[in-house]
Amino acid sequence: MEFMYYGHSCFALRQEEITLLVDPFFTGNTWDVAKAEDITCQYIFVSHGHDDHYGDSDSIGMRNNALFISTPEVARKAAEAGLETRVMHLGGKGAFPFGTIRMVQALHGSGVPGGHAAGALITFFGKTVYYAGDTAFFSDMGLLSRFGKIDYTLLPIGDTYTMGIDDALLAASYIKADVTVPVHYKTWPAIDAEPQEFVRRLADEYGQRGLVIEPGTSVEL
């Protein structure tokens, strides 16, 4: 399975002919490693409705005839733009050709009236990825592995709008994934956190493995 990181919180999981695109923020993303018009996918998952996460969902979804997956209020926004949607909510689990998505809480604003922010436990061709979305630390992160071993966790480290490095380290110590990947950093000065510092401290303080994936690059999971 290929993990492609586009900077900020935008990434894709890909195996064979199936691609799940998450929080497709390209236009306005200062990492500027890809263009929305060049992206192909069959599925789009959006954690919440802020512009730096909903991003280019409309144009990418329409051009690819992709299925848009999110909470009701965010999915309504996509449906109004003409996208086919799959509505889920916190605590719900859905089956897809690639595996499953279980929607879990995130402590953050939704970006749409009446909505909720979310994270997701994504099982993609047998690997489980916990994407925390934009969130503060919450102790129930320690219960997420009751659904099964978490292979990879993606945690925001940028501070200001989400967890900073200290809280993200604490979160990782609760989640206990095999590998933790820092995201949501350095897009703007307000989130100018150092991912290598996070990985170093994660090893030194908690004996866990972290991995920095440079924006615009991919790794095999």
N, C-alpha and C. Protein backbone atom coordinates (compact mmCIF):
# COMPACT_ATOMS: atom_id res chain seq x y z
N MET A 1 0.84 -1.18 0.00
CA MET A 1 0.00 0.00 0.00
C MET A 1 0.88 1.24 0.00
N GLU A 2 0.55 2.19 -0.86
CA GLU A 2 1.32 3.43 -0.97
C GLU A 2 0.65 4.52 -0.15
N PHE A 3 1.45 5.25 0.62
CA PHE A 3 1.00 6.44 1.34
C PHE A 3 1.66 7.64 0.68
N MET A 4 0.84 8.53 0.15
CA MET A 4 1.34 9.73 -0.50
C MET A 4 0.97 10.93 0.35
N TYR A 5 1.97 11.75 0.71
CA TYR A 5 1.73 12.91 1.57
C TYR A 5 1.89 14.18 0.76
N TYR A 6 0.86 15.03 0.81
CA TYR A 6 0.85 16.27 0.04
C TYR A 6 1.10 17.50 0.90
N GLY A 7 1.46 17.32 2.15
CA GLY A 7 1.66 18.44 3.05
C GLY A 7 0.39 18.81 3.79
N HIS A 8 0.55 19.54 4.91
CA HIS A 8 -0.55 19.88 5.80
C HIS A 8 -1.18 18.57 6.29
N SER A 9 -2.48 18.36 6.08
CA SER A 9 -3.11 17.10 6.48
C SER A 9 -3.63 16.32 5.29
N CYS A 10 -3.17 16.63 4.12
CA CYS A 10 -3.65 16.01 2.89
C CYS A 10 -2.78 14.82 2.52
N PHE A 11 -3.42 13.67 2.34
CA PHE A 11 -2.68 12.47 1.95
C PHE A 11 -3.59 11.53 1.18
N ALA A 12 -2.98 10.53 0.59
CA ALA A 12 -3.73 9.52 -0.15
C ALA A 12 -3.20 8.14 0.22
N LEU A 13 -4.10 7.17 0.28
CA LEU A 13 -3.76 5.76 0.41
C LEU A 13 -4.10 5.11 -0.93
N ARG A 14 -3.17 4.34 -1.46
CA ARG A 14 -3.37 3.79 -2.80
C ARG A 14 -2.89 2.35 -2.85
N GLN A 15 -3.71 1.49 -3.43
CA GLN A 15 -3.28 0.14 -3.75
C GLN A 15 -3.95 -0.29 -5.04
N GLU A 16 -3.13 -0.75 -5.96
CA GLU A 16 -3.60 -1.13 -7.28
C GLU A 16 -4.39 0.02 -7.90
N GLU A 17 -5.66 -0.18 -8.21
CA GLU A 17 -6.43 0.84 -8.91
C GLU A 17 -7.31 1.65 -7.97
N ILE A 18 -7.17 1.49 -6.67
CA ILE A 18 -8.03 2.18 -5.71
C ILE A 18 -7.24 3.21 -4.93
N THR A 19 -7.75 4.43 -4.90
CA THR A 19 -7.12 5.53 -4.15
C THR A 19 -8.17 6.19 -3.26
N LEU A 20 -7.83 6.31 -1.98
CA LEU A 20 -8.62 7.07 -1.02
C LEU A 20 -7.85 8.35 -0.72
N LEU A 21 -8.45 9.48 -1.03
CA LEU A 21 -7.84 10.79 -0.82
C LEU A 21 -8.45 11.40 0.44
N VAL A 22 -7.60 11.94 1.31
CA VAL A 22 -8.06 12.46 2.60
C VAL A 22 -7.75 13.96 2.70
N ASP A 23 -8.75 14.72 3.09
CA ASP A 23 -8.64 16.17 3.32
C ASP A 23 -7.87 16.85 2.19
N PRO A 24 -8.48 16.90 1.01
CA PRO A 24 -7.76 17.29 -0.22
C PRO A 24 -7.53 18.79 -0.38
N PHE A 25 -6.61 19.30 0.40
CA PHE A 25 -6.26 20.73 0.40
C PHE A 25 -5.05 20.94 -0.51
N PHE A 26 -5.30 21.43 -1.72
CA PHE A 26 -4.24 21.71 -2.68
C PHE A 26 -4.15 23.20 -3.00
N THR A 27 -5.27 23.81 -3.39
CA THR A 27 -5.28 25.22 -3.72
C THR A 27 -5.12 26.04 -2.43
N GLY A 28 -4.02 26.78 -2.33
CA GLY A 28 -3.72 27.53 -1.12
C GLY A 28 -2.81 26.81 -0.16
N ASN A 29 -2.51 25.55 -0.42
CA ASN A 29 -1.56 24.80 0.41
C ASN A 29 -0.15 25.29 0.08
N THR A 30 0.53 25.89 1.05
CA THR A 30 1.83 26.49 0.78
C THR A 30 2.91 25.46 0.47
N TRP A 31 2.66 24.19 0.76
CA TRP A 31 3.64 23.18 0.36
C TRP A 31 3.72 23.07 -1.16
N ASP A 32 2.58 23.23 -1.84
CA ASP A 32 2.53 23.35 -3.30
C ASP A 32 3.31 22.23 -3.99
N VAL A 33 2.98 20.98 -3.61
CA VAL A 33 3.68 19.84 -4.19
C VAL A 33 2.84 19.12 -5.25
N ALA A 34 1.58 19.53 -5.39
CA ALA A 34 0.71 18.90 -6.39
C ALA A 34 -0.43 19.86 -6.69
N LYS A 35 -1.06 19.66 -7.84
CA LYS A 35 -2.20 20.47 -8.25
C LYS A 35 -3.47 19.63 -8.22
N ALA A 36 -4.56 20.27 -7.82
CA ALA A 36 -5.83 19.55 -7.71
C ALA A 36 -6.22 18.91 -9.03
N GLU A 37 -5.95 19.59 -10.14
CA GLU A 37 -6.37 19.07 -11.44
C GLU A 37 -5.62 17.81 -11.86
N ASP A 38 -4.53 17.49 -11.16
CA ASP A 38 -3.75 16.30 -11.52
C ASP A 38 -4.08 15.09 -10.64
N ILE A 39 -4.98 15.26 -9.68
CA ILE A 39 -5.27 14.21 -8.71
C ILE A 39 -6.36 13.29 -9.23
N THR A 40 -6.11 11.98 -9.11
CA THR A 40 -7.14 10.99 -9.43
C THR A 40 -7.43 10.17 -8.18
N CYS A 41 -8.69 9.82 -8.00
CA CYS A 41 -9.09 9.01 -6.85
C CYS A 41 -10.50 8.50 -7.08
N GLN A 42 -10.88 7.51 -6.30
CA GLN A 42 -12.25 6.99 -6.33
C GLN A 42 -13.03 7.36 -5.07
N TYR A 43 -12.30 7.70 -4.00
CA TYR A 43 -12.93 8.02 -2.72
C TYR A 43 -12.26 9.25 -2.12
N ILE A 44 -13.08 10.08 -1.46
CA ILE A 44 -12.56 11.24 -0.73
C ILE A 44 -13.14 11.19 0.68
N PHE A 45 -12.27 11.24 1.67
CA PHE A 45 -12.72 11.36 3.06
C PHE A 45 -12.33 12.74 3.57
N VAL A 46 -13.30 13.45 4.16
CA VAL A 46 -13.03 14.77 4.72
C VAL A 46 -13.39 14.77 6.20
N SER A 47 -12.45 15.19 7.03
CA SER A 47 -12.62 15.12 8.48
C SER A 47 -13.51 16.23 9.02
N HIS A 48 -13.49 17.40 8.40
CA HIS A 48 -14.34 18.51 8.82
C HIS A 48 -14.33 19.57 7.73
N GLY A 49 -15.14 20.62 7.94
CA GLY A 49 -15.41 21.53 6.84
C GLY A 49 -14.54 22.75 6.71
N HIS A 50 -13.48 22.89 7.51
CA HIS A 50 -12.59 24.04 7.34
C HIS A 50 -11.92 23.98 5.96
N ASP A 51 -11.64 25.16 5.42
CA ASP A 51 -11.14 25.23 4.05
C ASP A 51 -9.84 24.46 3.84
N ASP A 52 -9.00 24.37 4.88
CA ASP A 52 -7.72 23.68 4.72
C ASP A 52 -7.87 22.16 4.87
N HIS A 53 -9.10 21.68 4.90
CA HIS A 53 -9.35 20.23 4.93
C HIS A 53 -10.37 19.84 3.85
N TYR A 54 -11.48 20.58 3.78
CA TYR A 54 -12.43 20.35 2.69
C TYR A 54 -11.78 20.68 1.35
N GLY A 55 -11.05 21.77 1.33
CA GLY A 55 -10.17 22.10 0.21
C GLY A 55 -10.81 22.00 -1.17
N ASP A 56 -10.20 21.18 -2.02
CA ASP A 56 -10.60 21.02 -3.41
C ASP A 56 -11.53 19.84 -3.62
N SER A 57 -12.27 19.47 -2.60
CA SER A 57 -13.16 18.31 -2.70
C SER A 57 -14.11 18.40 -3.88
N ASP A 58 -14.69 19.59 -4.08
CA ASP A 58 -15.71 19.72 -5.13
C ASP A 58 -15.14 19.43 -6.50
N SER A 59 -14.04 20.10 -6.85
CA SER A 59 -13.50 19.94 -8.20
C SER A 59 -12.93 18.54 -8.40
N ILE A 60 -12.21 18.02 -7.41
CA ILE A 60 -11.63 16.68 -7.54
C ILE A 60 -12.72 15.63 -7.58
N GLY A 61 -13.71 15.77 -6.71
CA GLY A 61 -14.79 14.79 -6.66
C GLY A 61 -15.59 14.76 -7.95
N MET A 62 -15.93 15.92 -8.50
CA MET A 62 -16.70 15.96 -9.73
C MET A 62 -15.91 15.41 -10.90
N ARG A 63 -14.66 15.79 -11.01
CA ARG A 63 -13.86 15.34 -12.15
C ARG A 63 -13.61 13.84 -12.14
N ASN A 64 -13.49 13.27 -10.93
CA ASN A 64 -13.20 11.83 -10.80
C ASN A 64 -14.44 10.98 -10.56
N ASN A 65 -15.60 11.63 -10.43
CA ASN A 65 -16.82 10.91 -10.04
C ASN A 65 -16.56 10.10 -8.77
N ALA A 66 -15.87 10.74 -7.80
CA ALA A 66 -15.46 10.06 -6.58
C ALA A 66 -16.56 10.10 -5.53
N LEU A 67 -16.60 9.10 -4.69
CA LEU A 67 -17.53 9.05 -3.57
C LEU A 67 -16.97 9.87 -2.42
N PHE A 68 -17.76 10.81 -1.93
CA PHE A 68 -17.35 11.71 -0.86
C PHE A 68 -17.89 11.18 0.46
N ILE A 69 -17.01 11.02 1.45
CA ILE A 69 -17.37 10.40 2.73
C ILE A 69 -17.11 11.40 3.85
N SER A 70 -18.13 11.71 4.63
CA SER A 70 -17.94 12.63 5.74
C SER A 70 -19.18 12.62 6.63
N THR A 71 -19.18 13.51 7.62
CA THR A 71 -20.31 13.67 8.51
C THR A 71 -21.47 14.36 7.77
N PRO A 72 -22.69 14.31 8.34
CA PRO A 72 -23.85 14.78 7.58
C PRO A 72 -23.75 16.22 7.08
N GLU A 73 -23.32 17.14 7.93
CA GLU A 73 -23.30 18.54 7.54
C GLU A 73 -22.25 18.81 6.46
N VAL A 74 -21.09 18.18 6.58
CA VAL A 74 -20.05 18.35 5.56
C VAL A 74 -20.45 17.66 4.26
N ALA A 75 -21.05 16.47 4.39
CA ALA A 75 -21.52 15.76 3.20
C ALA A 75 -22.62 16.54 2.48
N ARG A 76 -23.45 17.25 3.24
CA ARG A 76 -24.49 18.07 2.60
C ARG A 76 -23.86 19.15 1.73
N LYS A 77 -22.79 19.75 2.22
CA LYS A 77 -22.08 20.76 1.43
C LYS A 77 -21.58 20.16 0.12
N ALA A 78 -21.02 18.95 0.19
CA ALA A 78 -20.52 18.29 -1.01
C ALA A 78 -21.66 17.91 -1.95
N ALA A 79 -22.76 17.43 -1.38
CA ALA A 79 -23.90 17.05 -2.22
C ALA A 79 -24.46 18.25 -2.96
N GLU A 80 -24.49 19.39 -2.31
CA GLU A 80 -24.98 20.61 -2.96
C GLU A 80 -24.07 21.02 -4.12
N ALA A 81 -22.80 20.60 -4.07
CA ALA A 81 -21.88 20.88 -5.18
C ALA A 81 -21.97 19.83 -6.28
N GLY A 82 -22.80 18.79 -6.05
CA GLY A 82 -23.02 17.78 -7.07
C GLY A 82 -22.31 16.47 -6.86
N LEU A 83 -21.64 16.29 -5.71
CA LEU A 83 -20.90 15.05 -5.46
C LEU A 83 -21.82 13.95 -4.95
N GLU A 84 -21.49 12.71 -5.29
CA GLU A 84 -22.12 11.56 -4.66
C GLU A 84 -21.54 11.41 -3.26
N THR A 85 -22.38 11.22 -2.26
CA THR A 85 -21.90 11.22 -0.89
C THR A 85 -22.28 9.95 -0.15
N ARG A 86 -21.48 9.64 0.84
CA ARG A 86 -21.76 8.58 1.83
C ARG A 86 -21.70 9.25 3.19
N VAL A 87 -22.83 9.32 3.85
CA VAL A 87 -22.93 10.00 5.13
C VAL A 87 -22.64 9.03 6.26
N MET A 88 -21.74 9.46 7.17
CA MET A 88 -21.44 8.70 8.37
C MET A 88 -21.45 9.67 9.54
N HIS A 89 -21.38 9.13 10.75
CA HIS A 89 -21.32 10.00 11.91
C HIS A 89 -20.43 9.36 12.96
N LEU A 90 -20.12 10.12 14.01
CA LEU A 90 -19.21 9.66 15.05
C LEU A 90 -19.69 8.35 15.63
N GLY A 91 -18.79 7.38 15.69
CA GLY A 91 -19.12 6.06 16.20
C GLY A 91 -19.54 5.09 15.13
N GLY A 92 -19.84 5.58 13.93
CA GLY A 92 -20.29 4.71 12.86
C GLY A 92 -19.13 4.08 12.10
N LYS A 93 -19.40 2.91 11.53
CA LYS A 93 -18.41 2.17 10.74
C LYS A 93 -19.05 1.79 9.41
N GLY A 94 -18.33 2.03 8.34
CA GLY A 94 -18.83 1.71 7.02
C GLY A 94 -17.89 0.81 6.26
N ALA A 95 -18.45 -0.07 5.43
CA ALA A 95 -17.66 -0.99 4.61
C ALA A 95 -17.52 -0.42 3.20
N PHE A 96 -16.33 -0.60 2.64
CA PHE A 96 -16.02 -0.12 1.30
C PHE A 96 -15.19 -1.20 0.60
N PRO A 97 -15.05 -1.14 -0.70
CA PRO A 97 -14.25 -2.15 -1.40
C PRO A 97 -12.81 -2.26 -0.89
N PHE A 98 -12.26 -1.18 -0.33
CA PHE A 98 -10.88 -1.22 0.17
C PHE A 98 -10.79 -1.68 1.62
N GLY A 99 -11.90 -1.70 2.35
CA GLY A 99 -11.86 -2.06 3.77
C GLY A 99 -12.97 -1.35 4.52
N THR A 100 -12.62 -0.65 5.59
CA THR A 100 -13.63 0.03 6.40
C THR A 100 -13.14 1.40 6.85
N ILE A 101 -14.10 2.25 7.20
CA ILE A 101 -13.83 3.51 7.88
C ILE A 101 -14.71 3.57 9.11
N ARG A 102 -14.10 3.77 10.24
CA ARG A 102 -14.84 4.00 11.48
C ARG A 102 -14.63 5.46 11.87
N MET A 103 -15.70 6.21 11.97
CA MET A 103 -15.62 7.62 12.31
C MET A 103 -15.48 7.76 13.82
N VAL A 104 -14.48 8.52 14.26
CA VAL A 104 -14.25 8.74 15.69
C VAL A 104 -14.17 10.23 15.97
N GLN A 105 -14.27 10.58 17.23
CA GLN A 105 -14.33 11.99 17.58
C GLN A 105 -12.99 12.71 17.37
N ALA A 106 -13.10 14.01 17.16
CA ALA A 106 -11.97 14.92 17.21
C ALA A 106 -12.46 16.17 17.93
N LEU A 107 -11.63 16.72 18.78
CA LEU A 107 -12.00 17.91 19.54
C LEU A 107 -11.54 19.15 18.78
N HIS A 108 -12.47 19.71 18.00
CA HIS A 108 -12.12 20.79 17.08
C HIS A 108 -13.43 21.35 16.54
N GLY A 109 -13.38 22.49 15.88
CA GLY A 109 -14.55 23.02 15.20
C GLY A 109 -14.84 22.24 13.93
N SER A 110 -16.09 22.36 13.47
CA SER A 110 -16.49 21.57 12.30
C SER A 110 -16.32 22.33 10.99
N GLY A 111 -16.37 23.66 11.05
CA GLY A 111 -16.30 24.44 9.83
C GLY A 111 -17.62 24.60 9.11
N VAL A 112 -18.66 23.92 9.59
CA VAL A 112 -20.01 24.05 9.01
C VAL A 112 -21.01 24.14 10.16
N PRO A 113 -22.09 24.90 10.00
CA PRO A 113 -23.05 25.04 11.09
C PRO A 113 -23.64 23.70 11.52
N GLY A 114 -23.65 23.49 12.83
CA GLY A 114 -24.25 22.29 13.39
C GLY A 114 -23.45 21.02 13.25
N GLY A 115 -22.26 21.11 12.69
CA GLY A 115 -21.49 19.91 12.39
C GLY A 115 -20.54 19.50 13.48
N HIS A 116 -19.82 18.42 13.24
CA HIS A 116 -18.81 17.90 14.14
C HIS A 116 -17.52 17.68 13.37
N ALA A 117 -16.40 17.86 14.04
CA ALA A 117 -15.12 17.43 13.50
C ALA A 117 -14.95 15.94 13.79
N ALA A 118 -14.17 15.27 12.98
CA ALA A 118 -14.00 13.82 13.13
C ALA A 118 -12.57 13.41 12.84
N GLY A 119 -12.21 12.27 13.39
CA GLY A 119 -11.05 11.52 12.96
C GLY A 119 -11.56 10.22 12.36
N ALA A 120 -10.65 9.33 11.99
CA ALA A 120 -11.10 8.08 11.38
C ALA A 120 -10.09 6.97 11.61
N LEU A 121 -10.62 5.80 11.90
CA LEU A 121 -9.84 4.57 11.84
C LEU A 121 -10.10 3.96 10.47
N ILE A 122 -9.11 4.00 9.62
CA ILE A 122 -9.25 3.54 8.24
C ILE A 122 -8.52 2.21 8.08
N THR A 123 -9.25 1.17 7.74
CA THR A 123 -8.62 -0.11 7.40
C THR A 123 -8.60 -0.19 5.88
N PHE A 124 -7.40 -0.21 5.33
CA PHE A 124 -7.20 -0.13 3.89
C PHE A 124 -6.36 -1.32 3.46
N PHE A 125 -7.01 -2.27 2.81
CA PHE A 125 -6.35 -3.50 2.37
C PHE A 125 -5.54 -4.14 3.50
N GLY A 126 -6.15 -4.22 4.67
CA GLY A 126 -5.57 -4.95 5.79
C GLY A 126 -4.72 -4.14 6.74
N LYS A 127 -4.35 -2.91 6.39
CA LYS A 127 -3.59 -2.04 7.29
C LYS A 127 -4.54 -1.05 7.95
N THR A 128 -4.35 -0.80 9.24
CA THR A 128 -5.19 0.15 9.95
C THR A 128 -4.43 1.44 10.21
N VAL A 129 -5.00 2.53 9.73
CA VAL A 129 -4.43 3.87 9.87
C VAL A 129 -5.40 4.71 10.70
N TYR A 130 -4.92 5.24 11.81
CA TYR A 130 -5.72 6.18 12.58
C TYR A 130 -5.33 7.59 12.18
N TYR A 131 -6.25 8.29 11.55
CA TYR A 131 -6.05 9.70 11.20
C TYR A 131 -6.83 10.52 12.22
N ALA A 132 -6.10 11.28 13.04
CA ALA A 132 -6.74 12.01 14.14
C ALA A 132 -7.50 13.23 13.67
N GLY A 133 -7.22 13.73 12.46
CA GLY A 133 -7.81 14.99 12.04
C GLY A 133 -7.25 16.14 12.85
N ASP A 134 -7.91 17.27 12.80
CA ASP A 134 -7.54 18.39 13.66
C ASP A 134 -8.14 18.13 15.04
N THR A 135 -7.31 18.06 16.05
CA THR A 135 -7.85 17.73 17.37
C THR A 135 -6.93 18.17 18.48
N ALA A 136 -7.53 18.39 19.63
CA ALA A 136 -6.79 18.46 20.88
C ALA A 136 -6.58 17.04 21.39
N PHE A 137 -5.72 16.90 22.37
CA PHE A 137 -5.55 15.60 23.02
C PHE A 137 -6.80 15.25 23.82
N PHE A 138 -7.18 13.98 23.78
CA PHE A 138 -8.22 13.49 24.69
C PHE A 138 -7.85 12.07 25.10
N SER A 139 -8.13 11.75 26.36
CA SER A 139 -7.62 10.51 26.93
C SER A 139 -8.23 9.26 26.29
N ASP A 140 -9.41 9.38 25.69
CA ASP A 140 -10.02 8.22 25.06
C ASP A 140 -9.26 7.74 23.82
N MET A 141 -8.25 8.50 23.40
CA MET A 141 -7.37 7.98 22.36
C MET A 141 -6.78 6.63 22.77
N GLY A 142 -6.62 6.44 24.08
CA GLY A 142 -6.07 5.19 24.58
C GLY A 142 -7.00 4.00 24.39
N LEU A 143 -8.25 4.23 24.02
CA LEU A 143 -9.21 3.15 23.82
C LEU A 143 -9.36 2.76 22.35
N LEU A 144 -8.76 3.50 21.45
CA LEU A 144 -8.98 3.25 20.03
C LEU A 144 -8.49 1.87 19.59
N SER A 145 -7.46 1.36 20.23
CA SER A 145 -6.91 0.06 19.82
C SER A 145 -7.80 -1.10 20.23
N ARG A 146 -8.91 -0.82 20.94
CA ARG A 146 -9.83 -1.92 21.27
C ARG A 146 -10.45 -2.50 20.01
N PHE A 147 -10.43 -1.75 18.91
CA PHE A 147 -10.96 -2.24 17.66
C PHE A 147 -9.93 -3.09 16.89
N GLY A 148 -8.71 -3.20 17.42
CA GLY A 148 -7.65 -3.94 16.75
C GLY A 148 -6.38 -3.12 16.70
N LYS A 149 -5.28 -3.77 16.40
CA LYS A 149 -3.97 -3.12 16.36
C LYS A 149 -3.98 -1.98 15.34
N ILE A 150 -3.38 -0.86 15.74
CA ILE A 150 -3.24 0.30 14.85
C ILE A 150 -1.83 0.28 14.26
N ASP A 151 -1.74 0.18 12.97
CA ASP A 151 -0.43 0.09 12.32
C ASP A 151 0.23 1.47 12.23
N TYR A 152 -0.53 2.46 11.82
CA TYR A 152 0.01 3.81 11.63
C TYR A 152 -0.95 4.83 12.21
N THR A 153 -0.40 5.84 12.87
CA THR A 153 -1.20 6.96 13.37
C THR A 153 -0.68 8.25 12.75
N LEU A 154 -1.59 9.11 12.33
CA LEU A 154 -1.25 10.44 11.82
C LEU A 154 -1.77 11.47 12.82
N LEU A 155 -0.85 12.22 13.43
CA LEU A 155 -1.20 13.17 14.47
C LEU A 155 -0.77 14.58 14.09
N PRO A 156 -1.64 15.57 14.29
CA PRO A 156 -1.22 16.96 14.08
C PRO A 156 -0.27 17.40 15.18
N ILE A 157 0.75 18.18 14.81
CA ILE A 157 1.73 18.64 15.80
C ILE A 157 1.90 20.16 15.79
N GLY A 158 1.15 20.87 14.95
CA GLY A 158 1.46 22.27 14.68
C GLY A 158 1.17 23.25 15.78
N ASP A 159 0.35 22.86 16.79
CA ASP A 159 -0.04 23.77 17.86
C ASP A 159 -0.95 24.87 17.30
N THR A 160 -1.32 25.82 18.12
CA THR A 160 -2.20 26.95 17.81
C THR A 160 -3.64 26.49 17.54
N TYR A 161 -3.83 25.66 16.51
CA TYR A 161 -5.18 25.21 16.14
C TYR A 161 -5.44 23.76 16.53
N THR A 162 -4.39 23.02 16.86
CA THR A 162 -4.49 21.60 17.20
C THR A 162 -3.49 21.32 18.32
N MET A 163 -3.27 20.05 18.58
CA MET A 163 -2.20 19.65 19.49
C MET A 163 -0.87 20.22 19.01
N GLY A 164 -0.03 20.58 19.97
CA GLY A 164 1.37 20.83 19.68
C GLY A 164 2.17 19.56 19.91
N ILE A 165 3.48 19.68 19.85
CA ILE A 165 4.33 18.50 19.97
C ILE A 165 4.15 17.81 21.31
N ASP A 166 4.11 18.55 22.41
CA ASP A 166 3.99 17.92 23.72
C ASP A 166 2.72 17.07 23.83
N ASP A 167 1.60 17.63 23.44
CA ASP A 167 0.35 16.88 23.53
C ASP A 167 0.29 15.75 22.51
N ALA A 168 0.88 15.95 21.34
CA ALA A 168 0.91 14.89 20.34
C ALA A 168 1.75 13.71 20.82
N LEU A 169 2.83 14.00 21.53
CA LEU A 169 3.63 12.91 22.13
C LEU A 169 2.80 12.14 23.13
N LEU A 170 2.07 12.85 23.97
CA LEU A 170 1.21 12.18 24.95
C LEU A 170 0.16 11.33 24.23
N ALA A 171 -0.43 11.88 23.18
CA ALA A 171 -1.42 11.13 22.41
C ALA A 171 -0.82 9.85 21.85
N ALA A 172 0.37 9.95 21.28
CA ALA A 172 1.02 8.76 20.72
C ALA A 172 1.27 7.71 21.79
N SER A 173 1.60 8.15 22.99
CA SER A 173 1.86 7.21 24.07
C SER A 173 0.59 6.48 24.49
N TYR A 174 -0.56 7.10 24.30
CA TYR A 174 -1.84 6.45 24.59
C TYR A 174 -2.26 5.51 23.46
N ILE A 175 -2.03 5.92 22.22
CA ILE A 175 -2.51 5.16 21.06
C ILE A 175 -1.68 3.90 20.82
N LYS A 176 -0.36 4.04 20.97
CA LYS A 176 0.57 2.91 20.83
C LYS A 176 0.51 2.25 19.45
N ALA A 177 0.50 3.06 18.42
CA ALA A 177 0.60 2.53 17.06
C ALA A 177 2.00 2.02 16.79
N ASP A 178 2.14 1.19 15.79
CA ASP A 178 3.47 0.72 15.40
C ASP A 178 4.34 1.89 14.94
N VAL A 179 3.75 2.83 14.19
CA VAL A 179 4.47 3.99 13.66
C VAL A 179 3.56 5.21 13.76
N THR A 180 4.11 6.34 14.20
CA THR A 180 3.35 7.58 14.26
C THR A 180 3.97 8.60 13.30
N VAL A 181 3.11 9.19 12.48
CA VAL A 181 3.53 10.14 11.46
C VAL A 181 3.00 11.52 11.83
N PRO A 182 3.87 12.53 11.98
CA PRO A 182 3.39 13.89 12.26
C PRO A 182 2.87 14.57 11.00
N VAL A 183 1.76 15.31 11.15
CA VAL A 183 1.18 16.08 10.05
C VAL A 183 0.75 17.45 10.59
N HIS A 184 0.22 18.28 9.71
CA HIS A 184 -0.35 19.58 10.07
C HIS A 184 0.71 20.46 10.75
N TYR A 185 1.78 20.74 10.02
CA TYR A 185 2.86 21.59 10.52
C TYR A 185 3.45 22.40 9.37
N LYS A 186 3.98 23.59 9.70
CA LYS A 186 4.77 24.44 8.80
C LYS A 186 4.03 24.97 7.57
N THR A 187 2.73 24.73 7.46
CA THR A 187 2.00 25.30 6.33
C THR A 187 1.99 26.81 6.42
N TRP A 188 1.88 27.32 7.65
CA TRP A 188 1.90 28.76 7.95
C TRP A 188 2.73 28.99 9.20
N PRO A 189 3.19 30.21 9.43
CA PRO A 189 4.01 30.48 10.63
C PRO A 189 3.34 30.07 11.94
N ALA A 190 2.03 30.14 12.01
CA ALA A 190 1.33 29.81 13.26
C ALA A 190 1.45 28.33 13.64
N ILE A 191 1.83 27.48 12.69
CA ILE A 191 1.98 26.05 13.00
C ILE A 191 3.39 25.57 12.64
N ASP A 192 4.36 26.39 12.98
CA ASP A 192 5.76 26.13 12.60
C ASP A 192 6.43 25.17 13.57
N ALA A 193 5.97 23.94 13.60
CA ALA A 193 6.55 22.91 14.47
C ALA A 193 7.52 22.05 13.66
N GLU A 194 8.48 21.45 14.37
CA GLU A 194 9.52 20.64 13.72
C GLU A 194 9.18 19.16 13.80
N PRO A 195 8.87 18.52 12.69
CA PRO A 195 8.51 17.10 12.74
C PRO A 195 9.65 16.20 13.21
N GLN A 196 10.90 16.56 12.89
CA GLN A 196 12.03 15.74 13.34
C GLN A 196 12.17 15.78 14.86
N GLU A 197 11.83 16.92 15.46
CA GLU A 197 11.85 17.01 16.92
C GLU A 197 10.82 16.05 17.51
N PHE A 198 9.64 16.01 16.91
CA PHE A 198 8.60 15.09 17.39
C PHE A 198 9.08 13.65 17.33
N VAL A 199 9.66 13.25 16.21
CA VAL A 199 10.12 11.87 16.05
C VAL A 199 11.24 11.55 17.04
N ARG A 200 12.16 12.48 17.21
CA ARG A 200 13.27 12.24 18.15
C ARG A 200 12.75 12.09 19.57
N ARG A 201 11.88 12.98 19.98
CA ARG A 201 11.36 12.92 21.34
C ARG A 201 10.45 11.71 21.55
N LEU A 202 9.75 11.31 20.52
CA LEU A 202 8.90 10.12 20.64
C LEU A 202 9.74 8.88 20.95
N ALA A 203 10.90 8.79 20.31
CA ALA A 203 11.81 7.67 20.60
C ALA A 203 12.46 7.82 21.96
N ASP A 204 12.94 9.01 22.29
CA ASP A 204 13.67 9.23 23.54
C ASP A 204 12.77 9.12 24.76
N GLU A 205 11.57 9.67 24.69
CA GLU A 205 10.71 9.77 25.86
C GLU A 205 9.74 8.61 26.01
N TYR A 206 9.37 7.99 24.89
CA TYR A 206 8.36 6.94 24.96
C TYR A 206 8.77 5.63 24.30
N GLY A 207 9.94 5.60 23.69
CA GLY A 207 10.42 4.37 23.06
C GLY A 207 9.58 3.92 21.89
N GLN A 208 8.94 4.87 21.21
CA GLN A 208 8.10 4.54 20.07
C GLN A 208 8.70 5.07 18.78
N ARG A 209 8.28 4.47 17.69
CA ARG A 209 8.82 4.83 16.39
C ARG A 209 7.96 5.90 15.71
N GLY A 210 8.61 6.95 15.26
CA GLY A 210 7.96 7.97 14.45
C GLY A 210 8.59 8.00 13.07
N LEU A 211 7.87 8.59 12.14
CA LEU A 211 8.35 8.65 10.76
C LEU A 211 7.95 9.99 10.15
N VAL A 212 8.93 10.76 9.69
CA VAL A 212 8.65 11.99 8.97
C VAL A 212 8.58 11.65 7.47
N ILE A 213 7.44 11.98 6.86
CA ILE A 213 7.27 11.79 5.42
C ILE A 213 7.27 13.17 4.79
N GLU A 214 8.24 13.43 3.96
CA GLU A 214 8.36 14.76 3.37
C GLU A 214 7.20 15.01 2.40
N PRO A 215 6.58 16.19 2.48
CA PRO A 215 5.52 16.51 1.52
C PRO A 215 5.99 16.35 0.08
N GLY A 216 5.12 15.74 -0.71
CA GLY A 216 5.46 15.47 -2.10
C GLY A 216 6.11 14.14 -2.33
N THR A 217 6.25 13.34 -1.27
CA THR A 217 6.86 12.02 -1.39
C THR A 217 5.88 10.93 -0.92
N SER A 218 6.19 9.72 -1.26
CA SER A 218 5.36 8.59 -0.86
C SER A 218 6.23 7.51 -0.23
N VAL A 219 5.60 6.67 0.58
CA VAL A 219 6.26 5.52 1.19
C VAL A 219 5.35 4.33 1.07
N GLU A 220 5.94 3.16 1.15
CA GLU A 220 5.16 1.92 1.19
C GLU A 220 4.86 1.56 2.63
N LEU A 221 3.60 1.36 2.94
CA LEU A 221 3.22 0.97 4.29
C LEU A 221 3.03 -0.55 4.35
